[in-house]
Amino acid sequence: MCRKLVLCLLVTTVVISCRERDTDKKTVPTTFRDNINVESTLLKLSIIRIEKEIFESKNRNEIANVFDKYPEFAEKFLKRSQYPNDSILVNAFYQLSKNKSIDSIYRICNEVFRDFHNEGLQFQNAFQELAKYDKQFKFPVIYTIITGMGNDMLVNDSMVVVGLEFFLAAKSRYKPQLPLYMLKRYRKEYIVPMAISVVSSKYNNTDYLDNSLLAEMIYFGKSYYFVEKLIPSLSDTIIAGYENAVLEDVKKNQKLIWAHFIEKKLLFETKNEVTNRYVGERPTTFEIGNNCPGRIGRWLGWQIVRAYADRNPKLSLMDIMKEKDAKKILTQSRYKPKN
């Protein structure tokens, strides 16, 4: 089953070349000081630019001090305790910071993510919205890092770690070793939606005894819907991960797409290979047509969840996320494409 959202820790390697390092800028951990009061809960977003502290360190002791300064980051992201001693981890990052071939990535990240302000505001607004639904929610700390194409993202209750070099897109020739259809989603505008989609898994109730394609579709559909409600300004193209022309084509042909699922009796199919064809990562869903994008089942699940929400206006976002009966969601949605 692929119901657990896997958007973090994609491990890739690249061959990189040399460039001089920019050392003019001082390290300034960012805190959004505009406190947000939601139901009397004081919430504040902190953004810590780990890569600046590491790349501007003058020696190994200063790098060791970074790990001491942020012990949760060092443990949960770098797995510090798994090393026989700190010197192994410290040396690795010291060599990384002095490696001229890595340095050009650091320079480009400084240009593209100069202050991470837009992303910070989007995180803050999304978390503020979530706090309206979950009164126990606390803002995780946002860490940015450069790992030399090690890890792209980690999300848990207390922290979000973003590997900036993964999201440089056309600004750099250094790219993760991923297929082009996936690489298109590794741009800066996808950072916050990707993180929020991982956050959604905490609230996305599902029946793990239901191995049907429909259950997978509804699970991902609820994840998309969660992102949509927490970041209402976000375009459908970013949520779905489709380019505009592709999404318009999907919308235009959604009646044919839905007909394919019905005529082939796919909704209650439980074979993994069938499920993966429609919700798994693929460039194209060839079974429907040469122009039908991959992950089309996720998009279709999103439309069903949207229709279900429209038919049940009294349900809150959390009510919808808690509903684990995929068949009930489909039935009550009365989903029927118009075109």
C-alpha atoms as a PDB file:
ATOM      1  CA  MET A   1       0.000   0.000   0.000  1.00  0.00           C
ATOM      2  CA  CYS A   2       1.194   3.496  -0.790  1.00  0.00           C
ATOM      3  CA  ARG A   3      -1.284   5.244   1.469  1.00  0.00           C
ATOM      4  CA  LYS A   4       1.402   6.696   3.735  1.00  0.00           C
ATOM      5  CA  LEU A   5       2.515   9.905   2.057  1.00  0.00           C
ATOM      6  CA  VAL A   6       6.176   9.608   1.129  1.00  0.00           C
ATOM      7  CA  LEU A   7       7.474  13.050   0.309  1.00  0.00           C
ATOM      8  CA  CYS A   8      10.576  13.199   2.461  1.00  0.00           C
ATOM      9  CA  LEU A   9      14.113  11.973   2.422  1.00  0.00           C
ATOM     10  CA  LEU A  10      14.566  11.285  -1.272  1.00  0.00           C
ATOM     11  CA  VAL A  11      18.257  10.344  -1.510  1.00  0.00           C
ATOM     12  CA  THR A  12      20.072  11.361  -4.679  1.00  0.00           C
ATOM     13  CA  THR A  13      23.620  12.078  -5.816  1.00  0.00           C
ATOM     14  CA  VAL A  14      25.061  14.410  -8.420  1.00  0.00           C
ATOM     15  CA  VAL A  15      28.434  15.241  -9.908  1.00  0.00           C
ATOM     16  CA  ILE A  16      29.238  18.872  -9.241  1.00  0.00           C
ATOM     17  CA  SER A  17      31.921  21.345 -10.323  1.00  0.00           C
ATOM     18  CA  CYS A  18      33.882  24.191  -8.726  1.00  0.00           C
ATOM     19  CA  ARG A  19      33.039  27.792  -7.919  1.00  0.00           C
ATOM     20  CA  GLU A  20      34.195  30.399  -5.392  1.00  0.00           C
ATOM     21  CA  ARG A  21      32.251  30.769  -2.154  1.00  0.00           C
ATOM     22  CA  ASP A  22      30.436  33.928  -1.104  1.00  0.00           C
ATOM     23  CA  THR A  23      31.315  34.692   2.525  1.00  0.00           C
ATOM     24  CA  ASP A  24      30.119  38.257   2.823  1.00  0.00           C
ATOM     25  CA  LYS A  25      26.772  37.603   4.500  1.00  0.00           C
ATOM     26  CA  LYS A  26      26.298  37.180   8.224  1.00  0.00           C
ATOM     27  CA  THR A  27      24.154  34.452   9.693  1.00  0.00           C
ATOM     28  CA  VAL A  28      20.788  35.731  10.852  1.00  0.00           C
ATOM     29  CA  PRO A  29      18.295  33.118  12.112  1.00  0.00           C
ATOM     30  CA  THR A  30      14.884  34.461  11.160  1.00  0.00           C
ATOM     31  CA  THR A  31      11.924  34.707  13.487  1.00  0.00           C
ATOM     32  CA  PHE A  32       8.521  35.904  12.363  1.00  0.00           C
ATOM     33  CA  ARG A  33       7.902  38.216  15.254  1.00  0.00           C
ATOM     34  CA  ASP A  34       4.300  39.003  14.377  1.00  0.00           C
ATOM     35  CA  ASN A  35       2.687  36.811  17.009  1.00  0.00           C
ATOM     36  CA  ILE A  36      -0.598  35.228  15.991  1.00  0.00           C
ATOM     37  CA  ASN A  37      -3.260  34.823  18.631  1.00  0.00           C
ATOM     38  CA  VAL A  38      -5.598  31.961  17.798  1.00  0.00           C
ATOM     39  CA  GLU A  39      -8.049  31.034  20.528  1.00  0.00           C
ATOM     40  CA  SER A  40      -5.661  32.553  23.097  1.00  0.00           C
ATOM     41  CA  THR A  41      -2.782  30.299  21.992  1.00  0.00           C
ATOM     42  CA  LEU A  42       0.407  32.243  21.301  1.00  0.00           C
ATOM     43  CA  LEU A  43       2.011  30.998  18.102  1.00  0.00           C
ATOM     44  CA  LYS A  44       5.263  32.100  16.543  1.00  0.00           C
ATOM     45  CA  LEU A  45       7.165  30.759  13.579  1.00  0.00           C
ATOM     46  CA  SER A  46      10.940  30.449  13.734  1.00  0.00           C
ATOM     47  CA  ILE A  47      13.129  29.901  10.683  1.00  0.00           C
ATOM     48  CA  ILE A  48      16.725  28.853  11.250  1.00  0.00           C
ATOM     49  CA  ARG A  49      19.151  28.953   8.342  1.00  0.00           C
ATOM     50  CA  ILE A  50      21.473  26.113   9.313  1.00  0.00           C
ATOM     51  CA  GLU A  51      23.329  26.222   5.995  1.00  0.00           C
ATOM     52  CA  LYS A  52      24.491  29.786   6.651  1.00  0.00           C
ATOM     53  CA  GLU A  53      25.865  28.898  10.057  1.00  0.00           C
ATOM     54  CA  ILE A  54      27.685  25.868   8.688  1.00  0.00           C
ATOM     55  CA  PHE A  55      29.086  27.440   5.535  1.00  0.00           C
ATOM     56  CA  GLU A  56      30.266  30.508   7.406  1.00  0.00           C
ATOM     57  CA  SER A  57      31.965  28.491  10.145  1.00  0.00           C
ATOM     58  CA  LYS A  58      35.724  29.043  10.260  1.00  0.00           C
ATOM     59  CA  ASN A  59      36.664  25.735  11.837  1.00  0.00           C
ATOM     60  CA  ARG A  60      35.369  22.397  13.081  1.00  0.00           C
ATOM     61  CA  ASN A  61      34.662  23.727  16.566  1.00  0.00           C
ATOM     62  CA  GLU A  62      32.238  26.268  15.171  1.00  0.00           C
ATOM     63  CA  ILE A  63      30.415  23.540  13.261  1.00  0.00           C
ATOM     64  CA  ALA A  64      30.264  21.403  16.414  1.00  0.00           C
ATOM     65  CA  ASN A  65      28.768  24.426  18.162  1.00  0.00           C
ATOM     66  CA  VAL A  66      26.006  24.557  15.522  1.00  0.00           C
ATOM     67  CA  PHE A  67      25.007  20.992  16.353  1.00  0.00           C
ATOM     68  CA  ASP A  68      25.105  21.779  20.078  1.00  0.00           C
ATOM     69  CA  LYS A  69      23.025  24.889  19.490  1.00  0.00           C
ATOM     70  CA  TYR A  70      20.307  22.930  17.667  1.00  0.00           C
ATOM     71  CA  PRO A  71      20.320  19.476  19.295  1.00  0.00           C
ATOM     72  CA  GLU A  72      16.888  18.450  18.019  1.00  0.00           C
ATOM     73  CA  PHE A  73      17.923  19.165  14.437  1.00  0.00           C
ATOM     74  CA  ALA A  74      21.199  17.307  14.930  1.00  0.00           C
ATOM     75  CA  GLU A  75      19.452  14.258  16.331  1.00  0.00           C
ATOM     76  CA  LYS A  76      16.260  13.966  14.310  1.00  0.00           C
ATOM     77  CA  PHE A  77      17.631  15.041  10.942  1.00  0.00           C
ATOM     78  CA  LEU A  78      21.312  14.114  11.111  1.00  0.00           C
ATOM     79  CA  LYS A  79      20.887  11.108  13.462  1.00  0.00           C
ATOM     80  CA  ARG A  80      23.739  12.398  15.619  1.00  0.00           C
ATOM     81  CA  SER A  81      23.532   9.659  18.250  1.00  0.00           C
ATOM     82  CA  GLN A  82      24.053   6.946  15.651  1.00  0.00           C
ATOM     83  CA  TYR A  83      27.667   8.046  15.113  1.00  0.00           C
ATOM     84  CA  PRO A  84      30.397   6.707  17.424  1.00  0.00           C
ATOM     85  CA  ASN A  85      31.391  10.303  18.154  1.00  0.00           C
ATOM     86  CA  ASP A  86      30.600  13.823  16.962  1.00  0.00           C
ATOM     87  CA  SER A  87      33.855  14.209  15.064  1.00  0.00           C
ATOM     88  CA  ILE A  88      32.590  12.054  12.183  1.00  0.00           C
ATOM     89  CA  LEU A  89      29.564  14.254  11.615  1.00  0.00           C
ATOM     90  CA  VAL A  90      31.503  17.462  12.245  1.00  0.00           C
ATOM     91  CA  ASN A  91      34.235  16.481   9.794  1.00  0.00           C
ATOM     92  CA  ALA A  92      31.710  15.561   7.133  1.00  0.00           C
ATOM     93  CA  PHE A  93      30.046  18.980   7.292  1.00  0.00           C
ATOM     94  CA  TYR A  94      33.356  20.791   7.596  1.00  0.00           C
ATOM     95  CA  GLN A  95      34.533  19.131   4.376  1.00  0.00           C
ATOM     96  CA  LEU A  96      31.187  19.935   2.779  1.00  0.00           C
ATOM     97  CA  SER A  97      31.473  23.604   3.732  1.00  0.00           C
ATOM     98  CA  LYS A  98      34.994  23.881   2.314  1.00  0.00           C
ATOM     99  CA  ASN A  99      34.318  21.913  -0.856  1.00  0.00           C
ATOM    100  CA  LYS A 100      34.425  24.350  -3.766  1.00  0.00           C
ATOM    101  CA  SER A 101      32.187  22.156  -5.866  1.00  0.00           C
ATOM    102  CA  ILE A 102      29.419  22.346  -3.243  1.00  0.00           C
ATOM    103  CA  ASP A 103      30.011  26.044  -2.827  1.00  0.00           C
ATOM    104  CA  SER A 104      28.321  27.114  -6.051  1.00  0.00           C
ATOM    105  CA  ILE A 105      25.136  25.488  -4.757  1.00  0.00           C
ATOM    106  CA  TYR A 106      25.427  27.507  -1.558  1.00  0.00           C
ATOM    107  CA  ARG A 107      25.841  30.714  -3.553  1.00  0.00           C
ATOM    108  CA  ILE A 108      22.794  29.983  -5.719  1.00  0.00           C
ATOM    109  CA  CYS A 109      20.715  29.059  -2.666  1.00  0.00           C
ATOM    110  CA  ASN A 110      21.650  32.418  -1.156  1.00  0.00           C
ATOM    111  CA  GLU A 111      20.359  34.131  -4.286  1.00  0.00           C
ATOM    112  CA  VAL A 112      17.152  32.125  -4.657  1.00  0.00           C
ATOM    113  CA  PHE A 113      16.326  31.908  -0.943  1.00  0.00           C
ATOM    114  CA  ARG A 114      17.872  35.159   0.208  1.00  0.00           C
ATOM    115  CA  ASP A 115      15.622  35.565   3.240  1.00  0.00           C
ATOM    116  CA  PHE A 116      13.080  32.700   2.844  1.00  0.00           C
ATOM    117  CA  HIS A 117      10.477  35.346   3.655  1.00  0.00           C
ATOM    118  CA  ASN A 118       7.759  34.358   1.178  1.00  0.00           C
ATOM    119  CA  GLU A 119       8.006  30.727   2.158  1.00  0.00           C
ATOM    120  CA  GLY A 120       7.968  31.731   5.824  1.00  0.00           C
ATOM    121  CA  LEU A 121       4.773  33.730   5.387  1.00  0.00           C
ATOM    122  CA  GLN A 122       3.133  30.828   3.578  1.00  0.00           C
ATOM    123  CA  PHE A 123       4.145  28.430   6.355  1.00  0.00           C
ATOM    124  CA  GLN A 124       2.910  30.869   8.988  1.00  0.00           C
ATOM    125  CA  ASN A 125      -0.468  31.365   7.308  1.00  0.00           C
ATOM    126  CA  ALA A 126      -0.962  27.633   6.799  1.00  0.00           C
ATOM    127  CA  PHE A 127      -0.046  26.837  10.397  1.00  0.00           C
ATOM    128  CA  GLN A 128      -2.280  29.621  11.650  1.00  0.00           C
ATOM    129  CA  GLU A 129      -5.166  28.086   9.711  1.00  0.00           C
ATOM    130  CA  LEU A 130      -4.392  24.630  11.072  1.00  0.00           C
ATOM    131  CA  ALA A 131      -4.348  25.992  14.629  1.00  0.00           C
ATOM    132  CA  LYS A 132      -8.001  26.972  14.191  1.00  0.00           C
ATOM    133  CA  TYR A 133      -8.873  23.298  13.759  1.00  0.00           C
ATOM    134  CA  ASP A 134      -6.333  21.713  16.098  1.00  0.00           C
ATOM    135  CA  LYS A 135      -6.194  23.583  19.391  1.00  0.00           C
ATOM    136  CA  GLN A 136      -3.172  21.558  20.516  1.00  0.00           C
ATOM    137  CA  PHE A 137      -1.134  22.393  17.430  1.00  0.00           C
ATOM    138  CA  LYS A 138       2.242  24.057  17.956  1.00  0.00           C
ATOM    139  CA  PHE A 139       4.272  25.624  15.190  1.00  0.00           C
ATOM    140  CA  PRO A 140       7.199  23.414  14.193  1.00  0.00           C
ATOM    141  CA  VAL A 141      10.577  25.103  13.751  1.00  0.00           C
ATOM    142  CA  ILE A 142      11.579  25.543  10.107  1.00  0.00           C
ATOM    143  CA  TYR A 143      15.210  24.636   9.377  1.00  0.00           C
ATOM    144  CA  THR A 144      16.903  25.131   6.027  1.00  0.00           C
ATOM    145  CA  ILE A 145      20.009  23.162   5.121  1.00  0.00           C
ATOM    146  CA  ILE A 146      22.305  22.177   2.248  1.00  0.00           C
ATOM    147  CA  THR A 147      23.384  18.537   2.352  1.00  0.00           C
ATOM    148  CA  GLY A 148      25.004  18.174  -1.065  1.00  0.00           C
ATOM    149  CA  MET A 149      21.905  16.511  -2.509  1.00  0.00           C
ATOM    150  CA  GLY A 150      21.425  14.253   0.513  1.00  0.00           C
ATOM    151  CA  ASN A 151      17.878  14.799   1.818  1.00  0.00           C
ATOM    152  CA  ASP A 152      15.113  16.936   0.367  1.00  0.00           C
ATOM    153  CA  MET A 153      12.731  17.309   3.306  1.00  0.00           C
ATOM    154  CA  LEU A 154      11.822  15.999   6.733  1.00  0.00           C
ATOM    155  CA  VAL A 155       8.556  16.827   8.481  1.00  0.00           C
ATOM    156  CA  ASN A 156       7.460  15.887  11.979  1.00  0.00           C
ATOM    157  CA  ASP A 157       5.474  17.476  14.806  1.00  0.00           C
ATOM    158  CA  SER A 158       8.314  19.697  15.992  1.00  0.00           C
ATOM    159  CA  MET A 159      10.311  20.532  12.875  1.00  0.00           C
ATOM    160  CA  VAL A 160      10.322  20.960   9.120  1.00  0.00           C
ATOM    161  CA  VAL A 161      13.723  20.612   7.460  1.00  0.00           C
ATOM    162  CA  VAL A 162      14.114  21.778   3.865  1.00  0.00           C
ATOM    163  CA  GLY A 163      17.083  20.776   1.737  1.00  0.00           C
ATOM    164  CA  LEU A 164      17.249  23.968  -0.289  1.00  0.00           C
ATOM    165  CA  GLU A 165      19.403  22.628  -3.131  1.00  0.00           C
ATOM    166  CA  PHE A 166      16.591  20.313  -4.203  1.00  0.00           C
ATOM    167  CA  PHE A 167      14.326  23.256  -5.026  1.00  0.00           C
ATOM    168  CA  LEU A 168      16.562  25.410  -7.206  1.00  0.00           C
ATOM    169  CA  ALA A 169      14.885  24.395 -10.492  1.00  0.00           C
ATOM    170  CA  ALA A 170      16.147  26.316 -13.519  1.00  0.00           C
ATOM    171  CA  LYS A 171      18.428  28.497 -11.398  1.00  0.00           C
ATOM    172  CA  SER A 172      21.051  25.772 -11.176  1.00  0.00           C
ATOM    173  CA  ARG A 173      22.462  23.008 -13.307  1.00  0.00           C
ATOM    174  CA  TYR A 174      22.760  20.897 -10.164  1.00  0.00           C
ATOM    175  CA  LYS A 175      19.566  18.898  -9.902  1.00  0.00           C
ATOM    176  CA  PRO A 176      18.424  15.818  -8.000  1.00  0.00           C
ATOM    177  CA  GLN A 177      18.697  12.632 -10.003  1.00  0.00           C
ATOM    178  CA  LEU A 178      14.987  12.285 -10.531  1.00  0.00           C
ATOM    179  CA  PRO A 179      12.868  11.736 -13.640  1.00  0.00           C
ATOM    180  CA  LEU A 180      11.906  14.972 -15.387  1.00  0.00           C
ATOM    181  CA  TYR A 181       8.201  14.571 -14.622  1.00  0.00           C
ATOM    182  CA  MET A 182       9.045  14.546 -10.889  1.00  0.00           C
ATOM    183  CA  LEU A 183      11.778  17.150 -11.159  1.00  0.00           C
ATOM    184  CA  LYS A 184       9.228  19.688 -12.384  1.00  0.00           C
ATOM    185  CA  ARG A 185       7.735  19.667  -8.889  1.00  0.00           C
ATOM    186  CA  TYR A 186      11.064  20.474  -7.232  1.00  0.00           C
ATOM    187  CA  ARG A 187      10.718  24.247  -7.393  1.00  0.00           C
ATOM    188  CA  LYS A 188      10.532  26.729  -4.542  1.00  0.00           C
ATOM    189  CA  GLU A 189       6.765  27.215  -4.895  1.00  0.00           C
ATOM    190  CA  TYR A 190       6.286  23.551  -3.990  1.00  0.00           C
ATOM    191  CA  ILE A 191       8.167  23.652  -0.684  1.00  0.00           C
ATOM    192  CA  VAL A 192       5.297  24.635   1.596  1.00  0.00           C
ATOM    193  CA  PRO A 193       2.594  22.542  -0.154  1.00  0.00           C
ATOM    194  CA  MET A 194       4.866  19.480   0.010  1.00  0.00           C
ATOM    195  CA  ALA A 195       5.428  19.996   3.721  1.00  0.00           C
ATOM    196  CA  ILE A 196       1.741  20.591   4.439  1.00  0.00           C
ATOM    197  CA  SER A 197       0.781  17.461   2.506  1.00  0.00           C
ATOM    198  CA  VAL A 198       3.052  15.476   4.840  1.00  0.00           C
ATOM    199  CA  VAL A 199       1.472  17.222   7.841  1.00  0.00           C
ATOM    200  CA  SER A 200      -1.928  16.069   6.554  1.00  0.00           C
ATOM    201  CA  SER A 201      -1.049  12.412   7.183  1.00  0.00           C
ATOM    202  CA  LYS A 202      -1.371  13.022  10.930  1.00  0.00           C
ATOM    203  CA  TYR A 203      -5.028  13.928  10.460  1.00  0.00           C
ATOM    204  CA  ASN A 204      -5.872  11.706   7.491  1.00  0.00           C
ATOM    205  CA  ASN A 205      -7.850   8.844   8.999  1.00  0.00           C
ATOM    206  CA  THR A 206      -8.026   5.751   6.794  1.00  0.00           C
ATOM    207  CA  ASP A 207      -9.115   2.137   6.921  1.00  0.00           C
ATOM    208  CA  TYR A 208      -5.947   0.120   6.409  1.00  0.00           C
ATOM    209  CA  LEU A 209      -8.014  -3.037   5.932  1.00  0.00           C
ATOM    210  CA  ASP A 210      -9.455  -1.487   2.791  1.00  0.00           C
ATOM    211  CA  ASN A 211      -6.891  -2.163   0.063  1.00  0.00           C
ATOM    212  CA  SER A 212      -9.009  -0.869  -2.783  1.00  0.00           C
ATOM    213  CA  LEU A 213      -7.931   1.658  -5.369  1.00  0.00           C
ATOM    214  CA  LEU A 214     -10.816   3.849  -4.188  1.00  0.00           C
ATOM    215  CA  ALA A 215      -9.379   3.949  -0.656  1.00  0.00           C
ATOM    216  CA  GLU A 216      -6.029   5.110  -2.055  1.00  0.00           C
ATOM    217  CA  MET A 217      -7.719   7.731  -4.233  1.00  0.00           C
ATOM    218  CA  ILE A 218      -9.720   9.127  -1.323  1.00  0.00           C
ATOM    219  CA  TYR A 219      -6.685   9.155   0.966  1.00  0.00           C
ATOM    220  CA  PHE A 220      -4.684  11.246  -1.465  1.00  0.00           C
ATOM    221  CA  GLY A 221      -7.773  13.287  -2.326  1.00  0.00           C
ATOM    222  CA  LYS A 222      -8.143  14.256   1.332  1.00  0.00           C
ATOM    223  CA  SER A 223      -4.460  15.179   1.442  1.00  0.00           C
ATOM    224  CA  TYR A 224      -4.897  17.499  -1.550  1.00  0.00           C
ATOM    225  CA  TYR A 225      -8.048  18.943   0.023  1.00  0.00           C
ATOM    226  CA  PHE A 226      -6.165  19.569   3.296  1.00  0.00           C
ATOM    227  CA  VAL A 227      -3.503  21.551   1.425  1.00  0.00           C
ATOM    228  CA  GLU A 228      -6.186  23.436  -0.474  1.00  0.00           C
ATOM    229  CA  LYS A 229      -7.977  24.519   2.711  1.00  0.00           C
ATOM    230  CA  LEU A 230      -4.815  25.490   4.602  1.00  0.00           C
ATOM    231  CA  ILE A 231      -3.355  27.424   1.663  1.00  0.00           C
ATOM    232  CA  PRO A 232      -6.446  28.765  -0.146  1.00  0.00           C
ATOM    233  CA  SER A 233      -4.396  31.061  -2.383  1.00  0.00           C
ATOM    234  CA  LEU A 234      -2.607  28.075  -3.898  1.00  0.00           C
ATOM    235  CA  SER A 235      -3.380  27.215  -7.507  1.00  0.00           C
ATOM    236  CA  ASP A 236      -4.728  23.803  -8.444  1.00  0.00           C
ATOM    237  CA  THR A 237      -1.658  23.268 -10.631  1.00  0.00           C
ATOM    238  CA  ILE A 238       0.639  23.381  -7.594  1.00  0.00           C
ATOM    239  CA  ILE A 239      -1.607  21.169  -5.463  1.00  0.00           C
ATOM    240  CA  ALA A 240      -1.955  18.554  -8.180  1.00  0.00           C
ATOM    241  CA  GLY A 241       1.605  18.948  -9.420  1.00  0.00           C
ATOM    242  CA  TYR A 242       0.476  19.342 -13.026  1.00  0.00           C
ATOM    243  CA  GLU A 243       1.465  22.056 -15.455  1.00  0.00           C
ATOM    244  CA  ASN A 244      -1.391  24.364 -16.449  1.00  0.00           C
ATOM    245  CA  ALA A 245      -1.904  22.912 -19.935  1.00  0.00           C
ATOM    246  CA  VAL A 246      -1.926  19.372 -18.522  1.00  0.00           C
ATOM    247  CA  LEU A 247      -4.441  20.281 -15.825  1.00  0.00           C
ATOM    248  CA  GLU A 248      -6.735  22.012 -18.323  1.00  0.00           C
ATOM    249  CA  ASP A 249      -6.642  18.908 -20.502  1.00  0.00           C
ATOM    250  CA  VAL A 250      -7.483  16.720 -17.509  1.00  0.00           C
ATOM    251  CA  LYS A 251     -10.429  18.934 -16.591  1.00  0.00           C
ATOM    252  CA  LYS A 252     -11.668  18.898 -20.166  1.00  0.00           C
ATOM    253  CA  ASN A 253     -11.531  15.108 -20.279  1.00  0.00           C
ATOM    254  CA  GLN A 254     -12.568  14.238 -16.738  1.00  0.00           C
ATOM    255  CA  LYS A 255     -15.776  12.608 -17.947  1.00  0.00           C
ATOM    256  CA  LEU A 256     -13.744  10.232 -20.111  1.00  0.00           C
ATOM    257  CA  ILE A 257     -11.292   9.627 -17.265  1.00  0.00           C
ATOM    258  CA  TRP A 258     -14.095   8.776 -14.853  1.00  0.00           C
ATOM    259  CA  ALA A 259     -15.713   6.526 -17.463  1.00  0.00           C
ATOM    260  CA  HIS A 260     -12.459   4.571 -17.703  1.00  0.00           C
ATOM    261  CA  PHE A 261     -12.531   3.852 -13.963  1.00  0.00           C
ATOM    262  CA  ILE A 262     -16.175   2.782 -14.079  1.00  0.00           C
ATOM    263  CA  GLU A 263     -16.045   0.707 -17.271  1.00  0.00           C
ATOM    264  CA  LYS A 264     -12.897  -1.124 -16.161  1.00  0.00           C
ATOM    265  CA  LYS A 265     -14.387  -1.667 -12.681  1.00  0.00           C
ATOM    266  CA  LEU A 266     -11.284  -0.232 -11.078  1.00  0.00           C
ATOM    267  CA  LEU A 267     -12.589   1.433  -7.930  1.00  0.00           C
ATOM    268  CA  PHE A 268     -12.689  -1.715  -5.828  1.00  0.00           C
ATOM    269  CA  GLU A 269      -9.671  -3.354  -7.404  1.00  0.00           C
ATOM    270  CA  THR A 270      -7.184  -4.437  -4.719  1.00  0.00           C
ATOM    271  CA  LYS A 271      -4.149  -5.563  -6.715  1.00  0.00           C
ATOM    272  CA  ASN A 272      -1.096  -3.424  -5.940  1.00  0.00           C
ATOM    273  CA  GLU A 273       0.002  -3.267  -9.561  1.00  0.00           C
ATOM    274  CA  VAL A 274      -3.366  -1.813 -10.546  1.00  0.00           C
ATOM    275  CA  THR A 275      -3.346   0.691  -7.694  1.00  0.00           C
ATOM    276  CA  ASN A 276       0.159   1.861  -8.584  1.00  0.00           C
ATOM    277  CA  ARG A 277      -0.842   2.485 -12.192  1.00  0.00           C
ATOM    278  CA  TYR A 278      -3.354   5.093 -11.111  1.00  0.00           C
ATOM    279  CA  VAL A 279      -1.982   6.691  -7.928  1.00  0.00           C
ATOM    280  CA  GLY A 280       1.743   5.902  -8.158  1.00  0.00           C
ATOM    281  CA  GLU A 281       4.477   8.068  -9.635  1.00  0.00           C
ATOM    282  CA  ARG A 282       4.442   7.695 -13.423  1.00  0.00           C
ATOM    283  CA  PRO A 283       4.956  10.177 -16.268  1.00  0.00           C
ATOM    284  CA  THR A 284       1.741   9.087 -18.003  1.00  0.00           C
ATOM    285  CA  THR A 285      -1.295   6.938 -17.280  1.00  0.00           C
ATOM    286  CA  PHE A 286      -1.057   5.127 -20.591  1.00  0.00           C
ATOM    287  CA  GLU A 287      -4.064   2.944 -19.799  1.00  0.00           C
ATOM    288  CA  ILE A 288      -6.286   6.014 -20.232  1.00  0.00           C
ATOM    289  CA  GLY A 289      -4.366   7.810 -22.953  1.00  0.00           C
ATOM    290  CA  ASN A 290      -0.971   9.059 -24.040  1.00  0.00           C
ATOM    291  CA  ASN A 291      -1.755  12.547 -22.736  1.00  0.00           C
ATOM    292  CA  CYS A 292      -3.182  11.491 -19.389  1.00  0.00           C
ATOM    293  CA  PRO A 293      -0.683  12.363 -16.621  1.00  0.00           C
ATOM    294  CA  GLY A 294       0.464  10.027 -13.881  1.00  0.00           C
ATOM    295  CA  ARG A 295      -1.142  10.084 -10.420  1.00  0.00           C
ATOM    296  CA  ILE A 296      -4.504  10.699 -12.089  1.00  0.00           C
ATOM    297  CA  GLY A 297      -6.242   8.663  -9.379  1.00  0.00           C
ATOM    298  CA  ARG A 298      -5.074  11.141  -6.762  1.00  0.00           C
ATOM    299  CA  TRP A 299      -6.515  14.045  -8.725  1.00  0.00           C
ATOM    300  CA  LEU A 300      -9.780  12.168  -9.220  1.00  0.00           C
ATOM    301  CA  GLY A 301      -9.914  11.390  -5.499  1.00  0.00           C
ATOM    302  CA  TRP A 302      -9.511  15.106  -4.822  1.00  0.00           C
ATOM    303  CA  GLN A 303     -12.515  15.906  -7.012  1.00  0.00           C
ATOM    304  CA  ILE A 304     -14.583  13.306  -5.156  1.00  0.00           C
ATOM    305  CA  VAL A 305     -13.573  14.753  -1.777  1.00  0.00           C
ATOM    306  CA  ARG A 306     -14.378  18.256  -3.003  1.00  0.00           C
ATOM    307  CA  ALA A 307     -17.822  17.090  -4.126  1.00  0.00           C
ATOM    308  CA  TYR A 308     -18.332  15.344  -0.764  1.00  0.00           C
ATOM    309  CA  ALA A 309     -17.439  18.559   1.083  1.00  0.00           C
ATOM    310  CA  ASP A 310     -19.816  20.579  -1.103  1.00  0.00           C
ATOM    311  CA  ARG A 311     -22.641  18.115  -0.403  1.00  0.00           C
ATOM    312  CA  ASN A 312     -21.959  18.269   3.348  1.00  0.00           C
ATOM    313  CA  PRO A 313     -21.333  21.954   4.131  1.00  0.00           C
ATOM    314  CA  LYS A 314     -21.702  21.431   7.889  1.00  0.00           C
ATOM    315  CA  LEU A 315     -18.636  19.212   7.983  1.00  0.00           C
ATOM    316  CA  SER A 316     -15.391  20.876   9.054  1.00  0.00           C
ATOM    317  CA  LEU A 317     -12.034  20.116   7.495  1.00  0.00           C
ATOM    318  CA  MET A 318     -11.234  17.822  10.419  1.00  0.00           C
ATOM    319  CA  ASP A 319     -14.571  16.029  10.065  1.00  0.00           C
ATOM    320  CA  ILE A 320     -13.672  15.247   6.467  1.00  0.00           C
ATOM    321  CA  MET A 321     -10.136  14.159   7.373  1.00  0.00           C
ATOM    322  CA  LYS A 322     -11.494  11.849  10.100  1.00  0.00           C
ATOM    323  CA  GLU A 323     -13.905  10.052   7.777  1.00  0.00           C
ATOM    324  CA  LYS A 324     -12.210   6.782   6.830  1.00  0.00           C
ATOM    325  CA  ASP A 325     -15.029   5.178   4.865  1.00  0.00           C
ATOM    326  CA  ALA A 326     -13.980   5.767   1.257  1.00  0.00           C
ATOM    327  CA  LYS A 327     -17.142   4.206  -0.143  1.00  0.00           C
ATOM    328  CA  LYS A 328     -19.289   6.520   2.005  1.00  0.00           C
ATOM    329  CA  ILE A 329     -17.369   9.557   0.740  1.00  0.00           C
ATOM    330  CA  LEU A 330     -17.857   8.442  -2.850  1.00  0.00           C
ATOM    331  CA  THR A 331     -21.570   7.671  -2.394  1.00  0.00           C
ATOM    332  CA  GLN A 332     -22.400  10.897  -0.584  1.00  0.00           C
ATOM    333  CA  SER A 333     -20.322  12.979  -2.986  1.00  0.00           C
ATOM    334  CA  ARG A 334     -22.572  11.935  -5.892  1.00  0.00           C
ATOM    335  CA  TYR A 335     -19.541  12.719  -7.992  1.00  0.00           C
ATOM    336  CA  LYS A 336     -20.393  12.998 -11.652  1.00  0.00           C
ATOM    337  CA  PRO A 337     -18.178  14.957 -14.067  1.00  0.00           C
ATOM    338  CA  LYS A 338     -20.126  17.539 -16.022  1.00  0.00           C
ATOM    339  CA  ASN A 339     -18.061  17.686 -19.194  1.00  0.00           C
END
